[in-house]
């Protein structure tokens, strides 16, 4: 799979996850988990592929998605 196709597929999946994942605790903990997995993957990863996706690309997008989910964790909570 080409690098551009991988990037587009992962960005679409990330955008869907950000848009449709609504519960606060799930957004918080998934964001923290993706952030931790991404940071560890950046330092421990190599020239590997996971399910046809480049591991370096997965880790960078996991960090970005984790930061976005964590920073917007209260997006769908009701404000009084």
PDB file of N, CA and C in Angstrom:
ATOM      1  N   UNK A   1       0.848  -1.162   0.000  1.00  0.00           N
ATOM      2  CA  UNK A   1       0.000   0.000   0.000  1.00  0.00           C
ATOM      3  C   UNK A   1       0.904   1.239   0.000  1.00  0.00           C
ATOM      4  N   UNK A   2       0.564   2.214  -0.812  1.00  0.00           N
ATOM      5  CA  UNK A   2       1.409   3.397  -0.901  1.00  0.00           C
ATOM      6  C   UNK A   2       1.288   4.243   0.373  1.00  0.00           C
ATOM      7  N   UNK A   3       2.274   5.077   0.567  1.00  0.00           N
ATOM      8  CA  UNK A   3       2.340   5.898   1.767  1.00  0.00           C
ATOM      9  C   UNK A   3       1.183   6.896   1.825  1.00  0.00           C
ATOM     10  N   UNK A   4       0.821   7.449   0.680  1.00  0.00           N
ATOM     11  CA  UNK A   4      -0.282   8.413   0.630  1.00  0.00           C
ATOM     12  C   UNK A   4      -1.605   7.728   0.950  1.00  0.00           C
ATOM     13  N   UNK A   5      -1.808   6.532   0.432  1.00  0.00           N
ATOM     14  CA  UNK A   5      -3.036   5.787   0.710  1.00  0.00           C
ATOM     15  C   UNK A   5      -3.132   5.431   2.185  1.00  0.00           C
ATOM     16  N   UNK A   6      -2.026   5.032   2.775  1.00  0.00           N
ATOM     17  CA  UNK A   6      -2.003   4.725   4.202  1.00  0.00           C
ATOM     18  C   UNK A   6      -2.356   5.958   5.025  1.00  0.00           C
ATOM     19  N   UNK A   7      -1.759   7.082   4.682  1.00  0.00           N
ATOM     20  CA  UNK A   7      -2.013   8.318   5.419  1.00  0.00           C
ATOM     21  C   UNK A   7      -3.477   8.730   5.322  1.00  0.00           C
ATOM     22  N   UNK A   8      -4.026   8.686   4.127  1.00  0.00           N
ATOM     23  CA  UNK A   8      -5.425   9.053   3.944  1.00  0.00           C
ATOM     24  C   UNK A   8      -6.364   8.126   4.706  1.00  0.00           C
ATOM     25  N   UNK A   9      -6.104   6.831   4.654  1.00  0.00           N
ATOM     26  CA  UNK A   9      -6.953   5.872   5.360  1.00  0.00           C
ATOM     27  C   UNK A   9      -6.907   6.102   6.863  1.00  0.00           C
ATOM     28  N   UNK A  10      -5.730   6.333   7.404  1.00  0.00           N
ATOM     29  CA  UNK A  10      -5.603   6.556   8.842  1.00  0.00           C
ATOM     30  C   UNK A  10      -6.192   7.900   9.267  1.00  0.00           C
ATOM     31  N   UNK A  11      -6.067   8.919   8.439  1.00  0.00           N
ATOM     32  CA  UNK A  11      -6.674  10.212   8.762  1.00  0.00           C
ATOM     33  C   UNK A  11      -8.196  10.135   8.749  1.00  0.00           C
ATOM     34  N   UNK A  12      -8.756   9.394   7.814  1.00  0.00           N
ATOM     35  CA  UNK A  12     -10.213   9.230   7.766  1.00  0.00           C
ATOM     36  C   UNK A  12     -10.697   8.465   8.988  1.00  0.00           C
ATOM     37  N   UNK A  13     -10.001   7.384   9.360  1.00  0.00           N
ATOM     38  CA  UNK A  13     -10.378   6.634  10.554  1.00  0.00           C
ATOM     39  C   UNK A  13     -10.263   7.485  11.816  1.00  0.00           C
ATOM     40  N   UNK A  14      -9.213   8.287  11.899  1.00  0.00           N
ATOM     41  CA  UNK A  14      -9.043   9.167  13.045  1.00  0.00           C
ATOM     42  C   UNK A  14     -10.119  10.228  13.123  1.00  0.00           C
ATOM     43  N   UNK A  15     -10.474  10.808  11.981  1.00  0.00           N
ATOM     44  CA  UNK A  15     -11.526  11.829  11.964  1.00  0.00           C
ATOM     45  C   UNK A  15     -12.871  11.233  12.371  1.00  0.00           C
ATOM     46  N   UNK A  16     -13.159  10.031  11.914  1.00  0.00           N
ATOM     47  CA  UNK A  16     -14.406   9.374  12.313  1.00  0.00           C
ATOM     48  C   UNK A  16     -14.417   9.071  13.801  1.00  0.00           C
ATOM     49  N   UNK A  17     -13.286   8.647  14.333  1.00  0.00           N
ATOM     50  CA  UNK A  17     -13.185   8.361  15.762  1.00  0.00           C
ATOM     51  C   UNK A  17     -13.384   9.632  16.585  1.00  0.00           C
ATOM     52  N   UNK A  18     -12.783  10.720  16.155  1.00  0.00           N
ATOM     53  CA  UNK A  18     -12.927  11.990  16.874  1.00  0.00           C
ATOM     54  C   UNK A  18     -14.371  12.479  16.825  1.00  0.00           C
ATOM     55  N   UNK A  19     -15.023  12.304  15.701  1.00  0.00           N
ATOM     56  CA  UNK A  19     -16.378  12.817  15.536  1.00  0.00           C
ATOM     57  C   UNK A  19     -17.421  11.981  16.273  1.00  0.00           C
ATOM     58  N   UNK A  20     -17.282  10.651  16.272  1.00  0.00           N
ATOM     59  CA  UNK A  20     -18.359   9.801  16.774  1.00  0.00           C
ATOM     60  C   UNK A  20     -18.113   9.182  18.142  1.00  0.00           C
ATOM     61  N   UNK A  21     -16.940   9.343  18.709  1.00  0.00           N
ATOM     62  CA  UNK A  21     -16.664   8.832  20.050  1.00  0.00           C
ATOM     63  C   UNK A  21     -17.093   9.901  21.048  1.00  0.00           C
ATOM     64  N   UNK A  22     -18.197   9.656  21.774  1.00  0.00           N
ATOM     65  CA  UNK A  22     -18.787  10.702  22.599  1.00  0.00           C
ATOM     66  C   UNK A  22     -18.573  10.579  24.104  1.00  0.00           C
ATOM     67  N   UNK A  23     -18.548   9.395  24.706  1.00  0.00           N
ATOM     68  CA  UNK A  23     -18.443   9.335  26.178  1.00  0.00           C
ATOM     69  C   UNK A  23     -17.123   9.919  26.689  1.00  0.00           C
ATOM     70  N   UNK A  24     -17.241  10.782  27.695  1.00  0.00           N
ATOM     71  CA  UNK A  24     -16.077  11.465  28.264  1.00  0.00           C
ATOM     72  C   UNK A  24     -14.987  10.503  28.746  1.00  0.00           C
ATOM     73  N   UNK A  25     -15.313   9.473  29.559  1.00  0.00           N
ATOM     74  CA  UNK A  25     -14.238   8.602  30.051  1.00  0.00           C
ATOM     75  C   UNK A  25     -13.538   7.839  28.916  1.00  0.00           C
ATOM     76  N   UNK A  26     -14.303   7.440  27.921  1.00  0.00           N
ATOM     77  CA  UNK A  26     -13.707   6.706  26.802  1.00  0.00           C
ATOM     78  C   UNK A  26     -12.776   7.599  26.000  1.00  0.00           C
ATOM     79  N   UNK A  27     -13.177   8.833  25.757  1.00  0.00           N
ATOM     80  CA  UNK A  27     -12.314   9.778  25.036  1.00  0.00           C
ATOM     81  C   UNK A  27     -11.034  10.052  25.831  1.00  0.00           C
ATOM     82  N   UNK A  28     -11.193  10.204  27.139  1.00  0.00           N
ATOM     83  CA  UNK A  28     -10.051  10.511  27.996  1.00  0.00           C
ATOM     84  C   UNK A  28      -9.040   9.364  28.005  1.00  0.00           C
ATOM     85  N   UNK A  29      -9.503   8.165  28.304  1.00  0.00           N
ATOM     86  CA  UNK A  29      -8.585   7.043  28.452  1.00  0.00           C
ATOM     87  C   UNK A  29      -8.051   6.535  27.112  1.00  0.00           C
ATOM     88  N   UNK A  30      -8.860   6.585  26.075  1.00  0.00           N
ATOM     89  CA  UNK A  30      -8.351   6.206  24.758  1.00  0.00           C
ATOM     90  C   UNK A  30      -7.326   7.221  24.271  1.00  0.00           C
ATOM     91  N   UNK A  31      -7.568   8.493  24.551  1.00  0.00           N
ATOM     92  CA  UNK A  31      -6.597   9.525  24.198  1.00  0.00           C
ATOM     93  C   UNK A  31      -5.273   9.326  24.909  1.00  0.00           C
ATOM     94  N   UNK A  32      -5.327   9.046  26.211  1.00  0.00           N
ATOM     95  CA  UNK A  32      -4.090   8.803  26.965  1.00  0.00           C
ATOM     96  C   UNK A  32      -3.377   7.539  26.499  1.00  0.00           C
ATOM     97  N   UNK A  33      -4.154   6.493  26.207  1.00  0.00           N
ATOM     98  CA  UNK A  33      -3.550   5.242  25.743  1.00  0.00           C
ATOM     99  C   UNK A  33      -2.889   5.422  24.379  1.00  0.00           C
ATOM    100  N   UNK A  34      -3.563   6.098  23.461  1.00  0.00           N
ATOM    101  CA  UNK A  34      -2.971   6.331  22.143  1.00  0.00           C
ATOM    102  C   UNK A  34      -1.734   7.207  22.238  1.00  0.00           C
ATOM    103  N   UNK A  35      -1.767   8.190  23.107  1.00  0.00           N
ATOM    104  CA  UNK A  35      -0.608   9.047  23.303  1.00  0.00           C
ATOM    105  C   UNK A  35       0.582   8.247  23.836  1.00  0.00           C
ATOM    106  N   UNK A  36       0.341   7.407  24.826  1.00  0.00           N
ATOM    107  CA  UNK A  36       1.423   6.582  25.392  1.00  0.00           C
ATOM    108  C   UNK A  36       1.945   5.573  24.374  1.00  0.00           C
ATOM    109  N   UNK A  37       1.040   4.913  23.656  1.00  0.00           N
ATOM    110  CA  UNK A  37       1.454   3.940  22.649  1.00  0.00           C
ATOM    111  C   UNK A  37       2.262   4.621  21.549  1.00  0.00           C
ATOM    112  N   UNK A  38       1.824   5.799  21.153  1.00  0.00           N
ATOM    113  CA  UNK A  38       2.538   6.527  20.111  1.00  0.00           C
ATOM    114  C   UNK A  38       3.931   6.944  20.528  1.00  0.00           C
ATOM    115  N   UNK A  39       4.058   7.452  21.753  1.00  0.00           N
ATOM    116  CA  UNK A  39       5.376   7.889  22.230  1.00  0.00           C
ATOM    117  C   UNK A  39       6.322   6.698  22.361  1.00  0.00           C
ATOM    118  N   UNK A  40       5.834   5.607  22.909  1.00  0.00           N
ATOM    119  CA  UNK A  40       6.675   4.408  23.026  1.00  0.00           C
ATOM    120  C   UNK A  40       7.037   3.879  21.640  1.00  0.00           C
ATOM    121  N   UNK A  41       6.076   3.888  20.732  1.00  0.00           N
ATOM    122  CA  UNK A  41       6.318   3.398  19.380  1.00  0.00           C
ATOM    123  C   UNK A  41       7.329   4.224  18.613  1.00  0.00           C
ATOM    124  N   UNK A  42       7.366   5.522  18.881  1.00  0.00           N
ATOM    125  CA  UNK A  42       8.340   6.380  18.198  1.00  0.00           C
ATOM    126  C   UNK A  42       9.761   5.972  18.574  1.00  0.00           C
ATOM    127  N   UNK A  43       9.975   5.655  19.845  1.00  0.00           N
ATOM    128  CA  UNK A  43      11.317   5.318  20.295  1.00  0.00           C
ATOM    129  C   UNK A  43      11.663   3.842  20.114  1.00  0.00           C
ATOM    130  N   UNK A  44      10.669   2.958  20.132  1.00  0.00           N
ATOM    131  CA  UNK A  44      10.932   1.527  20.018  1.00  0.00           C
ATOM    132  C   UNK A  44      10.698   0.979  18.609  1.00  0.00           C
ATOM    133  N   UNK A  45      10.022   1.748  17.779  1.00  0.00           N
ATOM    134  CA  UNK A  45       9.663   1.272  16.446  1.00  0.00           C
ATOM    135  C   UNK A  45      10.863   1.194  15.525  1.00  0.00           C
ATOM    136  N   UNK A  46      10.643   0.553  14.423  1.00  0.00           N
ATOM    137  CA  UNK A  46      11.676   0.442  13.416  1.00  0.00           C
ATOM    138  C   UNK A  46      11.026   0.456  12.049  1.00  0.00           C
ATOM    139  N   UNK A  47      11.689  -0.119  11.114  1.00  0.00           N
ATOM    140  CA  UNK A  47      11.132  -0.206   9.760  1.00  0.00           C
ATOM    141  C   UNK A  47      10.237  -1.437   9.674  1.00  0.00           C
ATOM    142  N   UNK A  48       9.104  -1.380  10.374  1.00  0.00           N
ATOM    143  CA  UNK A  48       8.172  -2.503  10.409  1.00  0.00           C
ATOM    144  C   UNK A  48       6.824  -2.073   9.882  1.00  0.00           C
ATOM    145  N   UNK A  49       6.001  -3.075   9.600  1.00  0.00           N
ATOM    146  CA  UNK A  49       4.634  -2.815   9.179  1.00  0.00           C
ATOM    147  C   UNK A  49       3.676  -3.595  10.067  1.00  0.00           C
ATOM    148  N   UNK A  50       2.541  -2.975  10.373  1.00  0.00           N
ATOM    149  CA  UNK A  50       1.494  -3.619  11.148  1.00  0.00           C
ATOM    150  C   UNK A  50       0.230  -3.564  10.311  1.00  0.00           C
ATOM    151  N   UNK A  51      -0.288  -4.724   9.940  1.00  0.00           N
ATOM    152  CA  UNK A  51      -1.485  -4.826   9.103  1.00  0.00           C
ATOM    153  C   UNK A  51      -1.348  -4.041   7.802  1.00  0.00           C
ATOM    154  N   UNK A  52      -0.156  -3.994   7.260  1.00  0.00           N
ATOM    155  CA  UNK A  52       0.085  -3.306   6.007  1.00  0.00           C
ATOM    156  C   UNK A  52       0.361  -1.822   6.144  1.00  0.00           C
ATOM    157  N   UNK A  53       0.337  -1.291   7.369  1.00  0.00           N
ATOM    158  CA  UNK A  53       0.591   0.130   7.605  1.00  0.00           C
ATOM    159  C   UNK A  53       1.990   0.304   8.178  1.00  0.00           C
ATOM    160  N   UNK A  54       2.661   1.342   7.751  1.00  0.00           N
ATOM    161  CA  UNK A  54       3.995   1.664   8.236  1.00  0.00           C
ATOM    162  C   UNK A  54       3.921   2.020   9.722  1.00  0.00           C
ATOM    163  N   UNK A  55       4.783   1.419  10.534  1.00  0.00           N
ATOM    164  CA  UNK A  55       4.735   1.626  11.982  1.00  0.00           C
ATOM    165  C   UNK A  55       5.076   3.066  12.365  1.00  0.00           C
ATOM    166  N   UNK A  56       5.987   3.693  11.640  1.00  0.00           N
ATOM    167  CA  UNK A  56       6.320   5.086  11.947  1.00  0.00           C
ATOM    168  C   UNK A  56       5.116   5.998  11.743  1.00  0.00           C
ATOM    169  N   UNK A  57       4.388   5.780  10.669  1.00  0.00           N
ATOM    170  CA  UNK A  57       3.193   6.576  10.398  1.00  0.00           C
ATOM    171  C   UNK A  57       2.119   6.326  11.457  1.00  0.00           C
ATOM    172  N   UNK A  58       1.947   5.068  11.852  1.00  0.00           N
ATOM    173  CA  UNK A  58       0.964   4.744  12.884  1.00  0.00           C
ATOM    174  C   UNK A  58       1.276   5.433  14.203  1.00  0.00           C
ATOM    175  N   UNK A  59       2.542   5.468  14.583  1.00  0.00           N
ATOM    176  CA  UNK A  59       2.894   6.064  15.871  1.00  0.00           C
ATOM    177  C   UNK A  59       2.699   7.573  15.866  1.00  0.00           C
ATOM    178  N   UNK A  60       3.073   8.217  14.775  1.00  0.00           N
ATOM    179  CA  UNK A  60       2.894   9.676  14.698  1.00  0.00           C
ATOM    180  C   UNK A  60       1.407  10.023  14.730  1.00  0.00           C
ATOM    181  N   UNK A  61       0.597   9.295  13.983  1.00  0.00           N
ATOM    182  CA  UNK A  61      -0.833   9.571  13.978  1.00  0.00           C
ATOM    183  C   UNK A  61      -1.489   9.182  15.301  1.00  0.00           C
ATOM    184  N   UNK A  62      -0.956   8.175  15.991  1.00  0.00           N
ATOM    185  CA  UNK A  62      -1.487   7.808  17.305  1.00  0.00           C
ATOM    186  C   UNK A  62      -1.237   8.927  18.313  1.00  0.00           C
ATOM    187  N   UNK A  63      -0.079   9.539  18.255  1.00  0.00           N
ATOM    188  CA  UNK A  63       0.215  10.671  19.152  1.00  0.00           C
ATOM    189  C   UNK A  63      -0.731  11.822  18.857  1.00  0.00           C
ATOM    190  N   UNK A  64      -0.892  12.171  17.597  1.00  0.00           N
ATOM    191  CA  UNK A  64      -1.776  13.278  17.232  1.00  0.00           C
ATOM    192  C   UNK A  64      -3.226  12.991  17.607  1.00  0.00           C
ATOM    193  N   UNK A  65      -3.678  11.779  17.348  1.00  0.00           N
ATOM    194  CA  UNK A  65      -5.053  11.412  17.685  1.00  0.00           C
ATOM    195  C   UNK A  65      -5.248  11.380  19.197  1.00  0.00           C
ATOM    196  N   UNK A  66      -4.264  10.887  19.931  1.00  0.00           N
ATOM    197  CA  UNK A  66      -4.348  10.864  21.390  1.00  0.00           C
ATOM    198  C   UNK A  66      -4.425  12.261  21.979  1.00  0.00           C
ATOM    199  N   UNK A  67      -3.613  13.177  21.465  1.00  0.00           N
ATOM    200  CA  UNK A  67      -3.648  14.558  21.943  1.00  0.00           C
ATOM    201  C   UNK A  67      -4.999  15.192  21.632  1.00  0.00           C
ATOM    202  N   UNK A  68      -5.500  14.951  20.428  1.00  0.00           N
ATOM    203  CA  UNK A  68      -6.782  15.531  20.041  1.00  0.00           C
ATOM    204  C   UNK A  68      -7.926  14.986  20.880  1.00  0.00           C
ATOM    205  N   UNK A  69      -7.958  13.663  21.086  1.00  0.00           N
ATOM    206  CA  UNK A  69      -9.020  13.078  21.903  1.00  0.00           C
ATOM    207  C   UNK A  69      -8.959  13.577  23.340  1.00  0.00           C
ATOM    208  N   UNK A  70      -7.767  13.658  23.890  1.00  0.00           N
ATOM    209  CA  UNK A  70      -7.644  14.095  25.275  1.00  0.00           C
ATOM    210  C   UNK A  70      -7.985  15.569  25.434  1.00  0.00           C
ATOM    211  N   UNK A  71      -7.565  16.389  24.497  1.00  0.00           N
ATOM    212  CA  UNK A  71      -7.823  17.824  24.634  1.00  0.00           C
ATOM    213  C   UNK A  71      -9.279  18.188  24.363  1.00  0.00           C
ATOM    214  N   UNK A  72      -9.991  17.350  23.624  1.00  0.00           N
ATOM    215  CA  UNK A  72     -11.413  17.614  23.347  1.00  0.00           C
ATOM    216  C   UNK A  72     -12.305  16.619  24.075  1.00  0.00           C
ATOM    217  N   UNK A  73     -11.861  16.131  25.219  1.00  0.00           N
ATOM    218  CA  UNK A  73     -12.599  15.086  25.929  1.00  0.00           C
ATOM    219  C   UNK A  73     -13.950  15.554  26.440  1.00  0.00           C
ATOM    220  N   UNK A  74     -14.123  16.835  26.670  1.00  0.00           N
ATOM    221  CA  UNK A  74     -15.393  17.370  27.168  1.00  0.00           C
ATOM    222  C   UNK A  74     -16.251  17.964  26.049  1.00  0.00           C
ATOM    223  N   UNK A  75     -15.981  17.588  24.838  1.00  0.00           N
ATOM    224  CA  UNK A  75     -16.688  18.136  23.681  1.00  0.00           C
ATOM    225  C   UNK A  75     -18.189  17.863  23.728  1.00  0.00           C
ATOM    226  N   UNK A  76     -18.579  16.700  24.200  1.00  0.00           N
ATOM    227  CA  UNK A  76     -19.981  16.310  24.157  1.00  0.00           C
ATOM    228  C   UNK A  76     -20.651  16.328  25.529  1.00  0.00           C
ATOM    229  N   UNK A  77     -19.992  16.890  26.539  1.00  0.00           N
ATOM    230  CA  UNK A  77     -20.627  16.979  27.859  1.00  0.00           C
ATOM    231  C   UNK A  77     -21.543  18.189  27.908  1.00  0.00           C
ATOM    232  N   UNK A  78     -22.568  18.074  28.728  1.00  0.00           N
ATOM    233  CA  UNK A  78     -23.516  19.176  28.863  1.00  0.00           C
ATOM    234  C   UNK A  78     -22.966  20.232  29.797  1.00  0.00           C
ATOM    235  N   UNK A  79     -23.035  21.462  29.375  1.00  0.00           N
ATOM    236  CA  UNK A  79     -22.591  22.591  30.192  1.00  0.00           C
ATOM    237  C   UNK A  79     -23.796  23.181  30.903  1.00  0.00           C
ATOM    238  N   UNK A  80     -23.673  23.443  32.195  1.00  0.00           N
ATOM    239  CA  UNK A  80     -24.784  24.040  32.949  1.00  0.00           C
ATOM    240  C   UNK A  80     -24.700  25.539  32.983  1.00  0.00           C
TER     241      UNK A  80
END
